[in-house]
Amino acid sequence: MQTIKERLVEVCDTAVTFVRFLRAMVAARMAPLLGDERGEIASWVVVTALVVVAAIAIVGIVVTKLTTTAHNIQTP
């Protein structure tokens, strides 16, 4: 005859094993839905680089326009 403590340890071990099984099963089912994210960093680097280049070009255009306008101001 098992003691209550022995039975609780057995039940807990079974529960832990069952939870691990469920977690593995859910992870296996979700993997195709989530897709493979390897290589995603390359596209983010390209997008970030394009945004930085566009920002630098816009700042250059604005500075050039402001400088030209400042030089064209007539003083009395």
PDB file of N, CA and C in Angstrom:
ATOM      1  N   MET A   1       0.827  -1.177   0.000  1.00  0.00           N
ATOM      2  CA  MET A   1       0.000   0.000   0.000  1.00  0.00           C
ATOM      3  C   MET A   1       0.878   1.248   0.000  1.00  0.00           C
ATOM      4  N   GLN A   2       0.553   2.200  -0.886  1.00  0.00           N
ATOM      5  CA  GLN A   2       1.321   3.442  -0.988  1.00  0.00           C
ATOM      6  C   GLN A   2       0.865   4.445   0.073  1.00  0.00           C
ATOM      7  N   THR A   3       1.842   5.234   0.493  1.00  0.00           N
ATOM      8  CA  THR A   3       1.486   6.315   1.404  1.00  0.00           C
ATOM      9  C   THR A   3       0.963   7.484   0.570  1.00  0.00           C
ATOM     10  N   ILE A   4       0.350   8.418   1.250  1.00  0.00           N
ATOM     11  CA  ILE A   4      -0.198   9.589   0.550  1.00  0.00           C
ATOM     12  C   ILE A   4       0.923  10.366  -0.128  1.00  0.00           C
ATOM     13  N   LYS A   5       2.060  10.490   0.559  1.00  0.00           N
ATOM     14  CA  LYS A   5       3.186  11.226  -0.009  1.00  0.00           C
ATOM     15  C   LYS A   5       3.695  10.547  -1.285  1.00  0.00           C
ATOM     16  N   GLU A   6       3.841   9.240  -1.266  1.00  0.00           N
ATOM     17  CA  GLU A   6       4.302   8.512  -2.449  1.00  0.00           C
ATOM     18  C   GLU A   6       3.322   8.681  -3.600  1.00  0.00           C
ATOM     19  N   ARG A   7       2.041   8.626  -3.296  1.00  0.00           N
ATOM     20  CA  ARG A   7       1.015   8.779  -4.332  1.00  0.00           C
ATOM     21  C   ARG A   7       1.031  10.193  -4.921  1.00  0.00           C
ATOM     22  N   LEU A   8       1.220  11.212  -4.054  1.00  0.00           N
ATOM     23  CA  LEU A   8       1.296  12.594  -4.538  1.00  0.00           C
ATOM     24  C   LEU A   8       2.509  12.804  -5.435  1.00  0.00           C
ATOM     25  N   VAL A   9       3.639  12.233  -5.059  1.00  0.00           N
ATOM     26  CA  VAL A   9       4.843  12.340  -5.882  1.00  0.00           C
ATOM     27  C   VAL A   9       4.603  11.691  -7.233  1.00  0.00           C
ATOM     28  N   GLU A  10       3.950  10.540  -7.242  1.00  0.00           N
ATOM     29  CA  GLU A  10       3.651   9.836  -8.494  1.00  0.00           C
ATOM     30  C   GLU A  10       2.704  10.662  -9.369  1.00  0.00           C
ATOM     31  N   VAL A  11       1.679  11.216  -8.750  1.00  0.00           N
ATOM     32  CA  VAL A  11       0.714  12.029  -9.505  1.00  0.00           C
ATOM     33  C   VAL A  11       1.380  13.290 -10.049  1.00  0.00           C
ATOM     34  N   CYS A  12       2.224  13.932  -9.237  1.00  0.00           N
ATOM     35  CA  CYS A  12       2.922  15.140  -9.689  1.00  0.00           C
ATOM     36  C   CYS A  12       3.853  14.833 -10.853  1.00  0.00           C
ATOM     37  N   ASP A  13       4.568  13.726 -10.771  1.00  0.00           N
ATOM     38  CA  ASP A  13       5.444  13.333 -11.874  1.00  0.00           C
ATOM     39  C   ASP A  13       4.635  13.094 -13.144  1.00  0.00           C
ATOM     40  N   THR A  14       3.485  12.457 -12.999  1.00  0.00           N
ATOM     41  CA  THR A  14       2.617  12.214 -14.146  1.00  0.00           C
ATOM     42  C   THR A  14       2.096  13.528 -14.711  1.00  0.00           C
ATOM     43  N   ALA A  15       1.722  14.447 -13.838  1.00  0.00           N
ATOM     44  CA  ALA A  15       1.206  15.744 -14.283  1.00  0.00           C
ATOM     45  C   ALA A  15       2.288  16.540 -15.001  1.00  0.00           C
ATOM     46  N   VAL A  16       3.500  16.530 -14.472  1.00  0.00           N
ATOM     47  CA  VAL A  16       4.603  17.248 -15.107  1.00  0.00           C
ATOM     48  C   VAL A  16       4.886  16.667 -16.480  1.00  0.00           C
ATOM     49  N   THR A  17       4.894  15.357 -16.570  1.00  0.00           N
ATOM     50  CA  THR A  17       5.107  14.699 -17.861  1.00  0.00           C
ATOM     51  C   THR A  17       4.002  15.060 -18.843  1.00  0.00           C
ATOM     52  N   PHE A  18       2.760  15.095 -18.383  1.00  0.00           N
ATOM     53  CA  PHE A  18       1.629  15.436 -19.242  1.00  0.00           C
ATOM     54  C   PHE A  18       1.728  16.883 -19.717  1.00  0.00           C
ATOM     55  N   VAL A  19       2.101  17.803 -18.834  1.00  0.00           N
ATOM     56  CA  VAL A  19       2.244  19.215 -19.220  1.00  0.00           C
ATOM     57  C   VAL A  19       3.369  19.371 -20.236  1.00  0.00           C
ATOM     58  N   ARG A  20       4.460  18.674 -20.040  1.00  0.00           N
ATOM     59  CA  ARG A  20       5.562  18.729 -21.015  1.00  0.00           C
ATOM     60  C   ARG A  20       5.105  18.211 -22.375  1.00  0.00           C
ATOM     61  N   PHE A  21       4.333  17.128 -22.360  1.00  0.00           N
ATOM     62  CA  PHE A  21       3.803  16.572 -23.604  1.00  0.00           C
ATOM     63  C   PHE A  21       2.895  17.579 -24.296  1.00  0.00           C
ATOM     64  N   LEU A  22       1.985  18.198 -23.536  1.00  0.00           N
ATOM     65  CA  LEU A  22       1.073  19.187 -24.135  1.00  0.00           C
ATOM     66  C   LEU A  22       1.837  20.376 -24.707  1.00  0.00           C
ATOM     67  N   ARG A  23       2.849  20.833 -23.981  1.00  0.00           N
ATOM     68  CA  ARG A  23       3.648  21.961 -24.469  1.00  0.00           C
ATOM     69  C   ARG A  23       4.356  21.602 -25.774  1.00  0.00           C
ATOM     70  N   ALA A  24       4.928  20.427 -25.835  1.00  0.00           N
ATOM     71  CA  ALA A  24       5.617  19.995 -27.050  1.00  0.00           C
ATOM     72  C   ALA A  24       4.632  19.850 -28.201  1.00  0.00           C
ATOM     73  N   MET A  25       3.445  19.330 -27.910  1.00  0.00           N
ATOM     74  CA  MET A  25       2.444  19.157 -28.961  1.00  0.00           C
ATOM     75  C   MET A  25       1.967  20.513 -29.495  1.00  0.00           C
ATOM     76  N   VAL A  26       1.717  21.450 -28.611  1.00  0.00           N
ATOM     77  CA  VAL A  26       1.278  22.782 -29.044  1.00  0.00           C
ATOM     78  C   VAL A  26       2.379  23.466 -29.837  1.00  0.00           C
ATOM     79  N   ALA A  27       3.620  23.344 -29.390  1.00  0.00           N
ATOM     80  CA  ALA A  27       4.746  23.946 -30.115  1.00  0.00           C
ATOM     81  C   ALA A  27       4.878  23.339 -31.511  1.00  0.00           C
ATOM     82  N   ALA A  28       4.686  22.030 -31.613  1.00  0.00           N
ATOM     83  CA  ALA A  28       4.785  21.366 -32.913  1.00  0.00           C
ATOM     84  C   ALA A  28       3.655  21.797 -33.841  1.00  0.00           C
ATOM     85  N   ARG A  29       2.472  22.011 -33.285  1.00  0.00           N
ATOM     86  CA  ARG A  29       1.332  22.438 -34.105  1.00  0.00           C
ATOM     87  C   ARG A  29       1.450  23.902 -34.520  1.00  0.00           C
ATOM     88  N   MET A  30       2.061  24.725 -33.677  1.00  0.00           N
ATOM     89  CA  MET A  30       2.160  26.150 -33.960  1.00  0.00           C
ATOM     90  C   MET A  30       3.323  26.496 -34.887  1.00  0.00           C
ATOM     91  N   ALA A  31       4.334  25.642 -34.957  1.00  0.00           N
ATOM     92  CA  ALA A  31       5.523  25.936 -35.759  1.00  0.00           C
ATOM     93  C   ALA A  31       5.192  26.235 -37.223  1.00  0.00           C
ATOM     94  N   PRO A  32       4.353  25.443 -37.901  1.00  0.00           N
ATOM     95  CA  PRO A  32       4.049  25.786 -39.295  1.00  0.00           C
ATOM     96  C   PRO A  32       3.249  27.083 -39.426  1.00  0.00           C
ATOM     97  N   LEU A  33       2.450  27.392 -38.440  1.00  0.00           N
ATOM     98  CA  LEU A  33       1.658  28.618 -38.503  1.00  0.00           C
ATOM     99  C   LEU A  33       2.518  29.858 -38.333  1.00  0.00           C
ATOM    100  N   LEU A  34       3.506  29.786 -37.453  1.00  0.00           N
ATOM    101  CA  LEU A  34       4.361  30.929 -37.187  1.00  0.00           C
ATOM    102  C   LEU A  34       5.382  31.133 -38.295  1.00  0.00           C
ATOM    103  N   GLY A  35       5.770  30.082 -38.940  1.00  0.00           N
ATOM    104  CA  GLY A  35       6.724  30.186 -40.036  1.00  0.00           C
ATOM    105  C   GLY A  35       8.156  30.277 -39.540  1.00  0.00           C
ATOM    106  N   ASP A  36       9.038  30.302 -40.483  1.00  0.00           N
ATOM    107  CA  ASP A  36      10.457  30.370 -40.177  1.00  0.00           C
ATOM    108  C   ASP A  36      10.881  31.831 -40.221  1.00  0.00           C
ATOM    109  N   GLU A  37      11.455  32.325 -39.143  1.00  0.00           N
ATOM    110  CA  GLU A  37      11.834  33.725 -39.072  1.00  0.00           C
ATOM    111  C   GLU A  37      13.316  33.948 -39.363  1.00  0.00           C
ATOM    112  N   ARG A  38      14.014  32.919 -39.760  1.00  0.00           N
ATOM    113  CA  ARG A  38      15.423  33.114 -40.092  1.00  0.00           C
ATOM    114  C   ARG A  38      15.526  33.972 -41.335  1.00  0.00           C
ATOM    115  N   GLY A  39      16.467  34.888 -41.352  1.00  0.00           N
ATOM    116  CA  GLY A  39      16.669  35.756 -42.496  1.00  0.00           C
ATOM    117  C   GLY A  39      15.856  37.031 -42.443  1.00  0.00           C
ATOM    118  N   GLU A  40      15.001  37.183 -41.458  1.00  0.00           N
ATOM    119  CA  GLU A  40      14.192  38.389 -41.340  1.00  0.00           C
ATOM    120  C   GLU A  40      15.047  39.603 -41.041  1.00  0.00           C
ATOM    121  N   ILE A  41      16.157  39.426 -40.373  1.00  0.00           N
ATOM    122  CA  ILE A  41      16.995  40.561 -39.997  1.00  0.00           C
ATOM    123  C   ILE A  41      17.554  41.261 -41.224  1.00  0.00           C
ATOM    124  N   ALA A  42      17.823  40.508 -42.277  1.00  0.00           N
ATOM    125  CA  ALA A  42      18.377  41.116 -43.484  1.00  0.00           C
ATOM    126  C   ALA A  42      17.393  42.106 -44.094  1.00  0.00           C
ATOM    127  N   SER A  43      16.123  41.762 -44.146  1.00  0.00           N
ATOM    128  CA  SER A  43      15.146  42.678 -44.722  1.00  0.00           C
ATOM    129  C   SER A  43      14.981  43.918 -43.856  1.00  0.00           C
ATOM    130  N   TRP A  44      15.038  43.761 -42.526  1.00  0.00           N
ATOM    131  CA  TRP A  44      14.938  44.930 -41.646  1.00  0.00           C
ATOM    132  C   TRP A  44      16.152  45.838 -41.791  1.00  0.00           C
ATOM    133  N   VAL A  45      17.313  45.271 -41.994  1.00  0.00           N
ATOM    134  CA  VAL A  45      18.521  46.082 -42.189  1.00  0.00           C
ATOM    135  C   VAL A  45      18.407  46.883 -43.479  1.00  0.00           C
ATOM    136  N   VAL A  46      17.916  46.265 -44.525  1.00  0.00           N
ATOM    137  CA  VAL A  46      17.759  46.964 -45.804  1.00  0.00           C
ATOM    138  C   VAL A  46      16.741  48.095 -45.680  1.00  0.00           C
ATOM    139  N   VAL A  47      15.616  47.831 -45.045  1.00  0.00           N
ATOM    140  CA  VAL A  47      14.591  48.856 -44.875  1.00  0.00           C
ATOM    141  C   VAL A  47      15.126  50.010 -44.033  1.00  0.00           C
ATOM    142  N   THR A  48      15.814  49.697 -42.958  1.00  0.00           N
ATOM    143  CA  THR A  48      16.379  50.739 -42.100  1.00  0.00           C
ATOM    144  C   THR A  48      17.410  51.568 -42.858  1.00  0.00           C
ATOM    145  N   ALA A  49      18.251  50.914 -43.633  1.00  0.00           N
ATOM    146  CA  ALA A  49      19.254  51.636 -44.420  1.00  0.00           C
ATOM    147  C   ALA A  49      18.584  52.564 -45.432  1.00  0.00           C
ATOM    148  N   LEU A  50      17.527  52.109 -46.082  1.00  0.00           N
ATOM    149  CA  LEU A  50      16.824  52.964 -47.036  1.00  0.00           C
ATOM    150  C   LEU A  50      16.192  54.171 -46.359  1.00  0.00           C
ATOM    151  N   VAL A  51      15.625  53.973 -45.179  1.00  0.00           N
ATOM    152  CA  VAL A  51      15.031  55.094 -44.444  1.00  0.00           C
ATOM    153  C   VAL A  51      16.107  56.093 -44.038  1.00  0.00           C
ATOM    154  N   VAL A  52      17.262  55.620 -43.603  1.00  0.00           N
ATOM    155  CA  VAL A  52      18.353  56.514 -43.215  1.00  0.00           C
ATOM    156  C   VAL A  52      18.857  57.302 -44.421  1.00  0.00           C
ATOM    157  N   VAL A  53      19.024  56.653 -45.546  1.00  0.00           N
ATOM    158  CA  VAL A  53      19.470  57.345 -46.762  1.00  0.00           C
ATOM    159  C   VAL A  53      18.448  58.394 -47.190  1.00  0.00           C
ATOM    160  N   ALA A  54      17.165  58.049 -47.135  1.00  0.00           N
ATOM    161  CA  ALA A  54      16.122  59.010 -47.488  1.00  0.00           C
ATOM    162  C   ALA A  54      16.142  60.205 -46.537  1.00  0.00           C
ATOM    163  N   ALA A  55      16.322  59.958 -45.248  1.00  0.00           N
ATOM    164  CA  ALA A  55      16.365  61.053 -44.268  1.00  0.00           C
ATOM    165  C   ALA A  55      17.557  61.975 -44.529  1.00  0.00           C
ATOM    166  N   ILE A  56      18.705  61.405 -44.826  1.00  0.00           N
ATOM    167  CA  ILE A  56      19.895  62.217 -45.118  1.00  0.00           C
ATOM    168  C   ILE A  56      19.675  63.050 -46.376  1.00  0.00           C
ATOM    169  N   ALA A  57      19.060  62.457 -47.392  1.00  0.00           N
ATOM    170  CA  ALA A  57      18.794  63.199 -48.631  1.00  0.00           C
ATOM    171  C   ALA A  57      17.817  64.345 -48.387  1.00  0.00           C
ATOM    172  N   ILE A  58      16.785  64.108 -47.599  1.00  0.00           N
ATOM    173  CA  ILE A  58      15.797  65.148 -47.316  1.00  0.00           C
ATOM    174  C   ILE A  58      16.436  66.283 -46.519  1.00  0.00           C
ATOM    175  N   VAL A  59      17.245  65.954 -45.529  1.00  0.00           N
ATOM    176  CA  VAL A  59      17.930  66.989 -44.751  1.00  0.00           C
ATOM    177  C   VAL A  59      18.867  67.784 -45.657  1.00  0.00           C
ATOM    178  N   GLY A  60      19.570  67.130 -46.551  1.00  0.00           N
ATOM    179  CA  GLY A  60      20.456  67.830 -47.490  1.00  0.00           C
ATOM    180  C   GLY A  60      19.694  68.789 -48.388  1.00  0.00           C
ATOM    181  N   ILE A  61      18.550  68.373 -48.893  1.00  0.00           N
ATOM    182  CA  ILE A  61      17.737  69.232 -49.757  1.00  0.00           C
ATOM    183  C   ILE A  61      17.228  70.444 -48.975  1.00  0.00           C
ATOM    184  N   VAL A  62      16.742  70.214 -47.766  1.00  0.00           N
ATOM    185  CA  VAL A  62      16.220  71.314 -46.950  1.00  0.00           C
ATOM    186  C   VAL A  62      17.331  72.307 -46.612  1.00  0.00           C
ATOM    187  N   VAL A  63      18.500  71.819 -46.227  1.00  0.00           N
ATOM    188  CA  VAL A  63      19.619  72.709 -45.895  1.00  0.00           C
ATOM    189  C   VAL A  63      20.032  73.518 -47.115  1.00  0.00           C
ATOM    190  N   THR A  64      20.083  72.900 -48.267  1.00  0.00           N
ATOM    191  CA  THR A  64      20.449  73.607 -49.494  1.00  0.00           C
ATOM    192  C   THR A  64      19.432  74.702 -49.810  1.00  0.00           C
ATOM    193  N   LYS A  65      18.155  74.390 -49.711  1.00  0.00           N
ATOM    194  CA  LYS A  65      17.110  75.384 -49.972  1.00  0.00           C
ATOM    195  C   LYS A  65      17.196  76.540 -48.982  1.00  0.00           C
ATOM    196  N   LEU A  66      17.383  76.236 -47.699  1.00  0.00           N
ATOM    197  CA  LEU A  66      17.468  77.291 -46.693  1.00  0.00           C
ATOM    198  C   LEU A  66      18.697  78.163 -46.905  1.00  0.00           C
ATOM    199  N   THR A  67      19.807  77.546 -47.258  1.00  0.00           N
ATOM    200  CA  THR A  67      21.028  78.305 -47.505  1.00  0.00           C
ATOM    201  C   THR A  67      20.856  79.226 -48.715  1.00  0.00           C
ATOM    202  N   THR A  68      20.275  78.699 -49.772  1.00  0.00           N
ATOM    203  CA  THR A  68      20.039  79.495 -50.976  1.00  0.00           C
ATOM    204  C   THR A  68      19.095  80.653 -50.680  1.00  0.00           C
ATOM    205  N   THR A  69      18.052  80.386 -49.946  1.00  0.00           N
ATOM    206  CA  THR A  69      17.092  81.429 -49.597  1.00  0.00           C
ATOM    207  C   THR A  69      17.753  82.480 -48.707  1.00  0.00           C
ATOM    208  N   ALA A  70      18.581  82.056 -47.784  1.00  0.00           N
ATOM    209  CA  ALA A  70      19.269  82.999 -46.884  1.00  0.00           C
ATOM    210  C   ALA A  70      20.212  83.893 -47.644  1.00  0.00           C
ATOM    211  N   HIS A  71      20.881  83.367 -48.650  1.00  0.00           N
ATOM    212  CA  HIS A  71      21.824  84.184 -49.441  1.00  0.00           C
ATOM    213  C   HIS A  71      21.083  85.155 -50.378  1.00  0.00           C
ATOM    214  N   ASN A  72      19.848  84.835 -50.723  1.00  0.00           N
ATOM    215  CA  ASN A  72      19.084  85.683 -51.639  1.00  0.00           C
ATOM    216  C   ASN A  72      18.317  86.790 -50.932  1.00  0.00           C
ATOM    217  N   ILE A  73      18.386  86.854 -49.622  1.00  0.00           N
ATOM    218  CA  ILE A  73      17.705  87.915 -48.891  1.00  0.00           C
ATOM    219  C   ILE A  73      18.434  89.223 -49.134  1.00  0.00           C
ATOM    220  N   GLN A  74      17.702  90.251 -49.570  1.00  0.00           N
ATOM    221  CA  GLN A  74      18.315  91.561 -49.842  1.00  0.00           C
ATOM    222  C   GLN A  74      18.327  92.389 -48.559  1.00  0.00           C
ATOM    223  N   THR A  75      19.430  92.986 -48.311  1.00  0.00           N
ATOM    224  CA  THR A  75      19.539  93.860 -47.156  1.00  0.00           C
ATOM    225  C   THR A  75      19.544  95.310 -47.625  1.00  0.00           C
ATOM    226  N   PRO A  76      18.900  96.221 -46.887  1.00  0.00           N
ATOM    227  CA  PRO A  76      18.843  97.626 -47.336  1.00  0.00           C
ATOM    228  C   PRO A  76      20.146  98.366 -47.172  1.00  0.00           C
TER     229      PRO A  76
END
